[in-house]
Amino acid sequence: MPFIHFFDGFRTSHEINKIVPLADDTILDLMPQVEIDAHRARALNPEHPVIRGTSAILTLISSLAKPPTHGTTRSMTMLNRR
């Protein structure tokens, strides 16, 4: 069961003296306009309505309703001890 644990304390999240802002040209080079336009074309839009995610496979629903496996419960037990 993969999991990530990290701590971002108050000081870490409020440090601004070591941040070097990127230049606008660098940001524009990292974001190709063609890909941004393609992403926006796929986005939900009231001008082009679509229905997404309303159908579900019965086997998927039944597998989600099953109790967790031994490995999952063991991992959670180990995490709760700390």
Protein backbone atom coordinates (compact mmCIF):
# COMPACT_ATOMS: atom_id res chain seq x y z
CA MET A 1 0.00 0.00 0.00
CA PRO A 2 1.89 3.12 -1.16
CA PHE A 3 1.59 6.28 0.89
CA ILE A 4 3.44 9.55 1.26
CA HIS A 5 4.03 11.31 4.55
CA PHE A 6 5.56 14.76 4.76
CA PHE A 7 5.56 17.74 7.08
CA ASP A 8 5.40 21.33 5.94
CA GLY A 9 5.59 23.47 9.02
CA PHE A 10 4.73 27.13 9.50
CA ARG A 11 8.27 28.33 8.89
CA THR A 12 8.71 26.28 5.73
CA SER A 13 5.46 27.50 4.24
CA HIS A 14 6.16 31.14 5.10
CA GLU A 15 9.80 31.44 3.95
CA ILE A 16 10.02 33.90 1.07
CA ASN A 17 13.61 35.13 1.32
CA LYS A 18 15.05 32.17 -0.65
CA ILE A 19 12.57 32.19 -3.53
CA VAL A 20 13.85 33.27 -6.93
CA PRO A 21 10.89 34.16 -9.15
CA LEU A 22 10.93 32.85 -12.71
CA ALA A 23 11.04 35.32 -15.55
CA ASP A 24 7.91 35.61 -17.68
CA ASP A 25 9.79 34.31 -20.74
CA THR A 26 10.84 31.18 -18.83
CA ILE A 27 7.27 30.50 -17.74
CA LEU A 28 5.99 30.96 -21.30
CA ASP A 29 8.65 28.52 -22.58
CA LEU A 30 7.47 25.90 -20.05
CA MET A 31 3.82 26.21 -21.12
CA PRO A 32 3.26 25.51 -24.84
CA GLN A 33 0.20 27.45 -25.95
CA VAL A 34 -0.95 24.60 -28.22
CA GLU A 35 -1.22 22.23 -25.24
CA ILE A 36 -2.98 24.87 -23.13
CA ASP A 37 -5.55 25.38 -25.88
CA ALA A 38 -6.06 21.59 -26.18
CA HIS A 39 -6.57 21.34 -22.41
CA ARG A 40 -9.12 24.16 -22.45
CA ALA A 41 -10.95 22.52 -25.36
CA ARG A 42 -11.40 19.35 -23.25
CA ALA A 43 -12.60 21.29 -20.20
CA LEU A 44 -16.21 21.38 -19.06
CA ASN A 45 -17.97 24.29 -20.68
CA PRO A 46 -21.64 25.35 -20.63
CA GLU A 47 -21.32 26.19 -24.33
CA HIS A 48 -20.44 22.54 -25.10
CA PRO A 49 -22.13 20.38 -22.42
CA VAL A 50 -21.12 16.74 -21.93
CA ILE A 51 -21.98 14.10 -19.36
CA ARG A 52 -18.99 12.45 -17.70
CA GLY A 53 -18.73 9.83 -15.01
CA THR A 54 -22.36 8.87 -14.62
CA SER A 55 -22.10 5.20 -15.50
CA ALA A 56 -20.34 2.68 -13.32
CA ILE A 57 -19.44 -0.93 -13.86
CA LEU A 58 -21.16 -3.24 -11.37
CA THR A 59 -17.98 -5.26 -10.75
CA LEU A 60 -16.13 -2.08 -9.84
CA ILE A 61 -18.81 -1.05 -7.36
CA SER A 62 -18.83 -4.48 -5.75
CA SER A 63 -15.02 -4.52 -5.47
CA LEU A 64 -15.09 -1.16 -3.71
CA ALA A 65 -17.62 -2.51 -1.22
CA LYS A 66 -15.34 -5.40 -0.18
CA PRO A 67 -13.53 -5.17 3.15
CA PRO A 68 -9.84 -4.16 3.03
CA THR A 69 -7.20 -6.82 2.53
CA HIS A 70 -4.86 -8.11 5.22
CA GLY A 71 -2.00 -5.97 3.87
CA THR A 72 -4.05 -2.81 4.05
CA THR A 73 -5.23 -3.40 7.61
CA ARG A 74 -1.71 -4.34 8.69
CA SER A 75 -0.29 -1.12 7.19
CA MET A 76 -2.96 0.97 8.89
CA THR A 77 -2.25 -0.75 12.22
CA MET A 78 1.45 0.04 11.87
CA LEU A 79 0.70 3.68 11.03
CA ASN A 80 -1.63 4.09 13.99
CA ARG A 81 1.06 2.86 16.42
CA ARG A 82 3.29 5.85 15.68
